[in-house]
N, C-alpha and C. Protein backbone atom coordinates (compact mmCIF):
# COMPACT_ATOMS: atom_id res chain seq x y z
N MET A 1 0.84 -1.19 0.00
CA MET A 1 0.00 0.00 0.00
C MET A 1 0.88 1.24 0.00
N ASP A 2 0.54 2.20 -0.83
CA ASP A 2 1.28 3.44 -0.92
C ASP A 2 0.63 4.47 0.00
N ASP A 3 1.26 4.69 1.15
CA ASP A 3 0.71 5.64 2.13
C ASP A 3 0.77 7.07 1.63
N ASN A 4 1.43 7.30 0.51
CA ASN A 4 1.52 8.65 -0.03
C ASN A 4 0.36 9.00 -0.96
N ILE A 5 -0.52 8.02 -1.23
CA ILE A 5 -1.69 8.29 -2.07
C ILE A 5 -2.85 8.66 -1.16
N LEU A 6 -3.42 9.83 -1.41
CA LEU A 6 -4.51 10.37 -0.60
C LEU A 6 -5.82 10.19 -1.36
N VAL A 7 -6.81 9.54 -0.73
CA VAL A 7 -8.12 9.34 -1.35
C VAL A 7 -9.12 10.26 -0.66
N ILE A 8 -9.72 11.15 -1.47
CA ILE A 8 -10.68 12.13 -0.95
C ILE A 8 -12.04 11.85 -1.56
N GLY A 9 -13.05 11.69 -0.74
CA GLY A 9 -14.42 11.52 -1.20
C GLY A 9 -15.14 12.85 -1.19
N ILE A 10 -15.91 13.11 -2.25
CA ILE A 10 -16.80 14.27 -2.29
C ILE A 10 -18.20 13.68 -2.35
N ALA A 11 -18.95 13.84 -1.25
CA ALA A 11 -20.27 13.22 -1.12
C ALA A 11 -21.37 14.27 -1.08
N GLY A 12 -22.51 13.89 -1.60
CA GLY A 12 -23.67 14.77 -1.56
C GLY A 12 -24.77 14.21 -2.42
N GLY A 13 -25.94 14.78 -2.28
CA GLY A 13 -27.09 14.33 -3.04
C GLY A 13 -27.04 14.78 -4.49
N THR A 14 -27.97 14.29 -5.27
CA THR A 14 -28.08 14.68 -6.67
C THR A 14 -28.28 16.18 -6.77
N GLY A 15 -27.48 16.83 -7.60
CA GLY A 15 -27.61 18.28 -7.80
C GLY A 15 -27.02 19.13 -6.70
N SER A 16 -26.26 18.53 -5.77
CA SER A 16 -25.74 19.29 -4.63
C SER A 16 -24.48 20.09 -4.95
N GLY A 17 -23.85 19.82 -6.09
CA GLY A 17 -22.64 20.57 -6.46
C GLY A 17 -21.37 19.75 -6.41
N LYS A 18 -21.48 18.43 -6.25
CA LYS A 18 -20.29 17.58 -6.20
C LYS A 18 -19.45 17.72 -7.46
N THR A 19 -20.10 17.64 -8.60
CA THR A 19 -19.37 17.70 -9.87
C THR A 19 -18.72 19.06 -10.06
N THR A 20 -19.40 20.13 -9.68
CA THR A 20 -18.83 21.48 -9.79
C THR A 20 -17.58 21.59 -8.93
N LEU A 21 -17.65 21.13 -7.69
CA LEU A 21 -16.48 21.16 -6.81
C LEU A 21 -15.36 20.32 -7.38
N MET A 22 -15.70 19.12 -7.85
CA MET A 22 -14.68 18.22 -8.41
C MET A 22 -14.01 18.85 -9.62
N ASN A 23 -14.80 19.46 -10.51
CA ASN A 23 -14.23 20.09 -11.70
C ASN A 23 -13.33 21.26 -11.34
N ASN A 24 -13.69 22.02 -10.30
CA ASN A 24 -12.82 23.11 -9.85
C ASN A 24 -11.50 22.58 -9.31
N LEU A 25 -11.54 21.47 -8.58
CA LEU A 25 -10.31 20.87 -8.05
C LEU A 25 -9.44 20.33 -9.19
N ILE A 26 -10.07 19.69 -10.16
CA ILE A 26 -9.34 19.17 -11.33
C ILE A 26 -8.66 20.32 -12.06
N SER A 27 -9.39 21.40 -12.26
CA SER A 27 -8.84 22.57 -12.96
C SER A 27 -7.67 23.17 -12.19
N ARG A 28 -7.83 23.26 -10.90
CA ARG A 28 -6.80 23.88 -10.05
C ARG A 28 -5.54 23.02 -9.95
N PHE A 29 -5.72 21.69 -9.90
CA PHE A 29 -4.60 20.77 -9.69
C PHE A 29 -4.41 19.85 -10.89
N GLU A 30 -4.55 20.41 -12.08
CA GLU A 30 -4.48 19.64 -13.32
C GLU A 30 -3.25 18.74 -13.38
N GLY A 31 -3.52 17.48 -13.71
CA GLY A 31 -2.44 16.51 -13.84
C GLY A 31 -1.97 15.91 -12.54
N MET A 32 -2.46 16.43 -11.42
CA MET A 32 -2.01 15.95 -10.11
C MET A 32 -3.04 15.05 -9.43
N VAL A 33 -4.23 14.95 -10.02
CA VAL A 33 -5.29 14.17 -9.40
C VAL A 33 -5.87 13.12 -10.36
N THR A 34 -6.31 12.03 -9.78
CA THR A 34 -7.08 11.01 -10.48
C THR A 34 -8.51 11.17 -10.00
N VAL A 35 -9.46 11.08 -10.92
CA VAL A 35 -10.86 11.28 -10.57
C VAL A 35 -11.68 10.05 -10.92
N ILE A 36 -12.54 9.66 -9.98
CA ILE A 36 -13.47 8.56 -10.19
C ILE A 36 -14.85 9.05 -9.80
N SER A 37 -15.85 8.72 -10.61
CA SER A 37 -17.23 9.04 -10.27
C SER A 37 -17.97 7.78 -9.87
N HIS A 38 -18.66 7.86 -8.75
CA HIS A 38 -19.46 6.73 -8.29
C HIS A 38 -20.48 6.31 -9.35
N ASP A 39 -20.95 7.27 -10.16
CA ASP A 39 -21.92 6.96 -11.21
C ASP A 39 -21.41 5.90 -12.19
N ASN A 40 -20.10 5.83 -12.38
CA ASN A 40 -19.56 4.81 -13.28
C ASN A 40 -19.79 3.40 -12.75
N TYR A 41 -20.12 3.30 -11.48
CA TYR A 41 -20.30 2.00 -10.84
C TYR A 41 -21.77 1.61 -10.68
N TYR A 42 -22.66 2.27 -11.45
CA TYR A 42 -24.04 1.78 -11.49
C TYR A 42 -24.00 0.35 -12.01
N LYS A 43 -24.85 -0.49 -11.46
CA LYS A 43 -24.91 -1.88 -11.89
C LYS A 43 -25.46 -1.98 -13.31
N ARG A 44 -24.98 -2.98 -14.05
CA ARG A 44 -25.53 -3.28 -15.36
C ARG A 44 -26.95 -3.82 -15.15
N GLN A 45 -27.86 -3.34 -15.98
CA GLN A 45 -29.26 -3.76 -15.86
C GLN A 45 -29.69 -4.49 -17.13
N ASP A 46 -30.22 -5.68 -16.93
CA ASP A 46 -30.72 -6.47 -18.06
C ASP A 46 -32.24 -6.36 -18.10
N ARG A 47 -32.71 -5.10 -18.18
CA ARG A 47 -34.14 -4.82 -18.24
C ARG A 47 -34.39 -3.90 -19.41
N PRO A 48 -35.63 -3.84 -19.89
CA PRO A 48 -35.94 -2.94 -21.00
C PRO A 48 -35.67 -1.48 -20.62
N PHE A 49 -35.37 -0.66 -21.64
CA PHE A 49 -35.05 0.75 -21.44
C PHE A 49 -36.11 1.47 -20.61
N ALA A 50 -37.37 1.26 -20.90
CA ALA A 50 -38.45 1.94 -20.17
C ALA A 50 -38.39 1.65 -18.68
N GLU A 51 -38.04 0.43 -18.31
CA GLU A 51 -37.91 0.07 -16.89
C GLU A 51 -36.66 0.71 -16.28
N ARG A 52 -35.58 0.77 -17.07
CA ARG A 52 -34.35 1.40 -16.57
C ARG A 52 -34.57 2.88 -16.29
N CYS A 53 -35.44 3.52 -17.04
CA CYS A 53 -35.74 4.94 -16.84
C CYS A 53 -36.43 5.19 -15.50
N LEU A 54 -37.07 4.18 -14.95
CA LEU A 54 -37.80 4.31 -13.69
C LEU A 54 -36.95 3.96 -12.47
N GLN A 55 -35.73 3.50 -12.70
CA GLN A 55 -34.82 3.08 -11.63
C GLN A 55 -34.51 4.25 -10.69
N ASN A 56 -34.46 3.99 -9.39
CA ASN A 56 -34.04 4.98 -8.41
C ASN A 56 -32.51 4.93 -8.35
N TYR A 57 -31.86 5.84 -9.05
CA TYR A 57 -30.40 5.81 -9.14
C TYR A 57 -29.70 6.37 -7.91
N ASP A 58 -30.44 6.87 -6.94
CA ASP A 58 -29.84 7.32 -5.68
C ASP A 58 -29.86 6.22 -4.62
N HIS A 59 -30.53 5.11 -4.89
CA HIS A 59 -30.61 4.01 -3.92
C HIS A 59 -29.29 3.23 -3.90
N PRO A 60 -28.81 2.86 -2.72
CA PRO A 60 -27.54 2.12 -2.63
C PRO A 60 -27.49 0.85 -3.48
N ASP A 61 -28.63 0.19 -3.67
CA ASP A 61 -28.64 -1.04 -4.47
C ASP A 61 -28.38 -0.80 -5.95
N ALA A 62 -28.44 0.45 -6.40
CA ALA A 62 -28.20 0.76 -7.82
C ALA A 62 -26.71 0.68 -8.17
N PHE A 63 -25.85 0.67 -7.15
CA PHE A 63 -24.40 0.74 -7.37
C PHE A 63 -23.71 -0.60 -7.13
N ASP A 64 -22.63 -0.83 -7.86
CA ASP A 64 -21.73 -1.96 -7.62
C ASP A 64 -20.62 -1.44 -6.71
N THR A 65 -21.00 -1.21 -5.47
CA THR A 65 -20.09 -0.60 -4.50
C THR A 65 -18.91 -1.50 -4.17
N ASP A 66 -19.13 -2.81 -4.17
CA ASP A 66 -18.01 -3.73 -3.89
C ASP A 66 -16.89 -3.53 -4.90
N LEU A 67 -17.25 -3.41 -6.19
CA LEU A 67 -16.25 -3.19 -7.23
C LEU A 67 -15.56 -1.85 -7.04
N MET A 68 -16.31 -0.80 -6.69
CA MET A 68 -15.69 0.50 -6.49
C MET A 68 -14.69 0.47 -5.33
N ILE A 69 -15.07 -0.16 -4.24
CA ILE A 69 -14.16 -0.25 -3.08
C ILE A 69 -12.91 -1.04 -3.46
N GLU A 70 -13.10 -2.13 -4.20
CA GLU A 70 -11.97 -2.93 -4.67
C GLU A 70 -11.03 -2.09 -5.54
N ASP A 71 -11.60 -1.29 -6.45
CA ASP A 71 -10.80 -0.43 -7.31
C ASP A 71 -10.07 0.65 -6.51
N LEU A 72 -10.73 1.22 -5.51
CA LEU A 72 -10.08 2.25 -4.69
C LEU A 72 -8.91 1.67 -3.91
N LYS A 73 -9.08 0.47 -3.40
CA LYS A 73 -7.99 -0.19 -2.69
C LYS A 73 -6.80 -0.43 -3.63
N ALA A 74 -7.10 -0.83 -4.87
CA ALA A 74 -6.04 -1.06 -5.86
C ALA A 74 -5.30 0.25 -6.15
N LEU A 75 -6.04 1.35 -6.34
CA LEU A 75 -5.39 2.64 -6.58
C LEU A 75 -4.53 3.03 -5.38
N LYS A 76 -5.03 2.79 -4.19
CA LYS A 76 -4.29 3.12 -2.97
C LYS A 76 -2.98 2.32 -2.89
N ARG A 77 -3.01 1.11 -3.47
CA ARG A 77 -1.79 0.27 -3.52
C ARG A 77 -0.86 0.70 -4.65
N GLY A 78 -1.29 1.69 -5.45
CA GLY A 78 -0.47 2.16 -6.56
C GLY A 78 -0.72 1.41 -7.85
N GLU A 79 -1.82 0.65 -7.93
CA GLU A 79 -2.12 -0.15 -9.12
C GLU A 79 -3.07 0.60 -10.06
N THR A 80 -2.94 0.33 -11.35
CA THR A 80 -3.84 0.86 -12.36
C THR A 80 -5.13 0.04 -12.32
N ILE A 81 -6.27 0.71 -12.53
CA ILE A 81 -7.55 0.01 -12.58
C ILE A 81 -8.21 0.22 -13.95
N HIS A 82 -9.24 -0.55 -14.20
CA HIS A 82 -10.07 -0.39 -15.40
C HIS A 82 -11.48 -0.09 -14.92
N CYS A 83 -11.80 1.19 -14.90
CA CYS A 83 -13.06 1.69 -14.37
C CYS A 83 -14.19 1.46 -15.37
N PRO A 84 -15.34 0.97 -14.89
CA PRO A 84 -16.48 0.80 -15.80
C PRO A 84 -16.95 2.14 -16.35
N VAL A 85 -17.67 2.08 -17.47
CA VAL A 85 -18.22 3.28 -18.11
C VAL A 85 -19.74 3.18 -18.08
N TYR A 86 -20.38 4.22 -17.57
CA TYR A 86 -21.85 4.26 -17.54
C TYR A 86 -22.33 5.22 -18.62
N ASP A 87 -23.36 4.82 -19.35
CA ASP A 87 -23.91 5.64 -20.43
C ASP A 87 -25.29 6.16 -19.99
N TYR A 88 -25.37 7.47 -19.73
CA TYR A 88 -26.62 8.07 -19.26
C TYR A 88 -27.72 8.01 -20.32
N ALA A 89 -27.36 7.99 -21.59
CA ALA A 89 -28.35 7.97 -22.66
C ALA A 89 -29.15 6.67 -22.69
N ILE A 90 -28.49 5.57 -22.33
CA ILE A 90 -29.17 4.28 -22.35
C ILE A 90 -29.47 3.77 -20.94
N HIS A 91 -29.09 4.55 -19.92
CA HIS A 91 -29.30 4.17 -18.51
C HIS A 91 -28.73 2.79 -18.23
N ASN A 92 -27.47 2.60 -18.63
CA ASN A 92 -26.85 1.30 -18.38
C ASN A 92 -25.33 1.40 -18.47
N ARG A 93 -24.68 0.47 -17.83
CA ARG A 93 -23.23 0.36 -17.93
C ARG A 93 -22.89 -0.27 -19.27
N THR A 94 -21.83 0.22 -19.89
CA THR A 94 -21.41 -0.31 -21.19
C THR A 94 -20.38 -1.43 -20.96
N ASP A 95 -19.93 -2.02 -22.04
CA ASP A 95 -18.88 -3.04 -21.96
C ASP A 95 -17.49 -2.40 -21.89
N GLU A 96 -17.43 -1.10 -22.11
CA GLU A 96 -16.16 -0.39 -22.11
C GLU A 96 -15.65 -0.16 -20.69
N THR A 97 -14.33 0.03 -20.60
CA THR A 97 -13.71 0.48 -19.35
C THR A 97 -12.71 1.57 -19.70
N VAL A 98 -12.34 2.33 -18.70
CA VAL A 98 -11.34 3.38 -18.86
C VAL A 98 -10.19 3.07 -17.91
N GLU A 99 -8.98 3.07 -18.46
CA GLU A 99 -7.81 2.83 -17.63
C GLU A 99 -7.53 4.06 -16.78
N ILE A 100 -7.42 3.83 -15.48
CA ILE A 100 -7.14 4.93 -14.55
C ILE A 100 -5.89 4.58 -13.76
N LYS A 101 -4.92 5.47 -13.86
CA LYS A 101 -3.66 5.28 -13.14
C LYS A 101 -3.68 6.11 -11.86
N PRO A 102 -3.09 5.60 -10.82
CA PRO A 102 -3.09 6.35 -9.56
C PRO A 102 -2.17 7.57 -9.63
N THR A 103 -2.56 8.59 -8.92
CA THR A 103 -1.72 9.77 -8.72
C THR A 103 -1.65 10.00 -7.22
N LYS A 104 -1.00 11.04 -6.82
CA LYS A 104 -0.85 11.31 -5.38
C LYS A 104 -2.19 11.59 -4.70
N VAL A 105 -3.16 12.12 -5.48
CA VAL A 105 -4.49 12.39 -4.93
C VAL A 105 -5.53 11.73 -5.83
N VAL A 106 -6.41 10.96 -5.22
CA VAL A 106 -7.53 10.33 -5.92
C VAL A 106 -8.80 10.96 -5.36
N ILE A 107 -9.59 11.59 -6.24
CA ILE A 107 -10.85 12.21 -5.82
C ILE A 107 -11.99 11.34 -6.30
N VAL A 108 -12.91 11.02 -5.40
CA VAL A 108 -14.04 10.17 -5.72
C VAL A 108 -15.33 10.94 -5.46
N GLU A 109 -16.11 11.13 -6.52
CA GLU A 109 -17.43 11.74 -6.39
C GLU A 109 -18.40 10.62 -6.04
N VAL A 110 -19.02 10.71 -4.87
CA VAL A 110 -19.84 9.59 -4.37
C VAL A 110 -21.22 10.07 -3.92
N ASN A 111 -22.21 9.21 -4.12
CA ASN A 111 -23.57 9.48 -3.69
C ASN A 111 -23.63 9.53 -2.17
N GLN A 112 -24.37 10.47 -1.62
CA GLN A 112 -24.42 10.64 -0.16
C GLN A 112 -25.05 9.46 0.56
N ASN A 113 -25.80 8.61 -0.13
CA ASN A 113 -26.47 7.49 0.51
C ASN A 113 -25.56 6.27 0.64
N MET A 114 -24.26 6.48 0.56
CA MET A 114 -23.33 5.37 0.57
C MET A 114 -22.39 5.42 1.76
N PRO A 115 -22.91 5.31 2.98
CA PRO A 115 -22.05 5.41 4.16
C PRO A 115 -20.96 4.35 4.18
N ARG A 116 -21.20 3.20 3.54
CA ARG A 116 -20.21 2.13 3.51
C ARG A 116 -18.95 2.60 2.80
N CYS A 117 -19.10 3.44 1.78
CA CYS A 117 -17.95 3.95 1.03
C CYS A 117 -17.20 5.01 1.82
N LEU A 118 -17.94 5.84 2.52
CA LEU A 118 -17.34 7.02 3.12
C LEU A 118 -16.22 6.68 4.11
N GLY A 119 -16.30 5.53 4.76
CA GLY A 119 -15.27 5.14 5.71
C GLY A 119 -13.95 4.79 5.05
N GLY A 120 -13.93 4.56 3.74
CA GLY A 120 -12.72 4.16 3.05
C GLY A 120 -11.86 5.30 2.55
N PHE A 121 -12.28 6.53 2.81
CA PHE A 121 -11.54 7.68 2.33
C PHE A 121 -10.62 8.22 3.41
N ASP A 122 -9.51 8.81 2.97
CA ASP A 122 -8.62 9.49 3.93
C ASP A 122 -9.27 10.77 4.42
N ASN A 123 -10.00 11.43 3.53
CA ASN A 123 -10.76 12.64 3.87
C ASN A 123 -12.05 12.63 3.07
N CYS A 124 -13.07 13.28 3.60
CA CYS A 124 -14.34 13.34 2.88
C CYS A 124 -14.93 14.73 3.02
N ILE A 125 -15.40 15.26 1.90
CA ILE A 125 -16.10 16.54 1.87
C ILE A 125 -17.56 16.20 1.61
N HIS A 126 -18.43 16.58 2.52
CA HIS A 126 -19.84 16.29 2.35
C HIS A 126 -20.59 17.58 2.06
N ILE A 127 -21.32 17.59 0.95
CA ILE A 127 -22.11 18.76 0.57
C ILE A 127 -23.55 18.45 0.95
N SER A 128 -24.09 19.20 1.90
CA SER A 128 -25.44 18.92 2.37
C SER A 128 -26.47 19.69 1.56
N GLU A 129 -27.73 19.33 1.77
CA GLU A 129 -28.82 20.00 1.07
C GLU A 129 -28.86 21.49 1.41
N VAL A 130 -28.43 21.86 2.61
CA VAL A 130 -28.39 23.27 2.99
C VAL A 130 -27.48 24.03 2.04
N ASP A 131 -26.39 23.40 1.63
CA ASP A 131 -25.45 24.04 0.72
C ASP A 131 -26.05 24.30 -0.65
N MET A 132 -27.10 23.56 -1.00
CA MET A 132 -27.71 23.72 -2.31
C MET A 132 -28.35 25.09 -2.47
N ILE A 133 -28.60 25.78 -1.36
CA ILE A 133 -29.18 27.12 -1.40
C ILE A 133 -28.28 28.07 -2.18
N VAL A 134 -26.98 27.83 -2.15
CA VAL A 134 -26.03 28.72 -2.80
C VAL A 134 -25.95 28.49 -4.31
N GLU A 135 -26.75 27.56 -4.82
CA GLU A 135 -26.69 27.19 -6.23
C GLU A 135 -26.82 28.39 -7.18
N GLY A 136 -27.57 29.40 -6.77
CA GLY A 136 -27.81 30.54 -7.64
C GLY A 136 -26.66 31.52 -7.75
N ARG A 137 -25.59 31.32 -7.00
CA ARG A 137 -24.45 32.24 -7.07
C ARG A 137 -23.79 32.19 -8.43
N ASN A 138 -23.23 33.31 -8.86
CA ASN A 138 -22.51 33.35 -10.13
C ASN A 138 -21.16 32.65 -10.03
N ASP A 139 -20.52 32.74 -8.91
CA ASP A 139 -19.19 32.16 -8.72
C ASP A 139 -19.32 30.91 -7.86
N PRO A 140 -19.05 29.72 -8.43
CA PRO A 140 -19.24 28.49 -7.67
C PRO A 140 -18.34 28.38 -6.44
N MET A 141 -17.28 29.15 -6.39
CA MET A 141 -16.41 29.09 -5.23
C MET A 141 -16.81 30.11 -4.17
N GLY A 142 -17.82 30.92 -4.44
CA GLY A 142 -18.33 31.84 -3.44
C GLY A 142 -17.51 33.09 -3.25
N ILE A 143 -16.73 33.48 -4.22
CA ILE A 143 -15.90 34.66 -4.09
C ILE A 143 -16.62 35.86 -4.69
N GLN A 144 -16.83 36.86 -3.91
CA GLN A 144 -17.49 38.07 -4.37
C GLN A 144 -16.45 38.98 -5.02
N PRO A 145 -16.88 39.96 -5.81
CA PRO A 145 -15.92 40.86 -6.47
C PRO A 145 -14.94 41.54 -5.52
N SER A 146 -15.37 41.73 -4.26
CA SER A 146 -14.50 42.38 -3.31
C SER A 146 -13.40 41.45 -2.81
N GLY A 147 -13.55 40.16 -3.13
CA GLY A 147 -12.55 39.19 -2.70
C GLY A 147 -12.93 38.51 -1.40
N THR A 148 -14.09 38.83 -0.83
CA THR A 148 -14.51 38.18 0.40
C THR A 148 -15.40 37.00 0.08
N ALA A 149 -15.31 35.97 0.86
CA ALA A 149 -16.12 34.77 0.64
C ALA A 149 -17.55 35.01 1.14
N THR A 150 -18.51 34.41 0.45
CA THR A 150 -19.89 34.53 0.89
C THR A 150 -20.13 33.59 2.07
N GLU A 151 -21.08 33.94 2.89
CA GLU A 151 -21.44 33.11 4.01
C GLU A 151 -22.40 32.03 3.53
N VAL A 152 -22.14 30.79 3.93
CA VAL A 152 -22.98 29.66 3.53
C VAL A 152 -23.77 29.20 4.73
């Protein structure tokens, strides 16, 4: 295990701003972070498209969490993984995978309903529903023109 690899979870509900925060971190630390989205670990569904459209994708049973935890452990050991690919257009996991190599920081965007995952991170940022109130701000980082941060 490589103790120098830091795994950070960004947790929150649908629409809470996880992706915005993650994209800001990627932009700020370009090339220094590996990113994984919990959405890539939705289970493959062998049901008709119309039924897949009705799936509750926030429910813990919708995810292949065991595989995600296994992949995170491999990254923490310094190993390359092959992350599944989820296709939102067809509401299903594809046969494709994406090779992901570990870096010093691994950021994982995770659904808030996954407490089992949250214990596996070195650090976790949780975005609560209260934080969603700030969604209307022009600057996602909360910086006003004067340079002062907004109160959340």
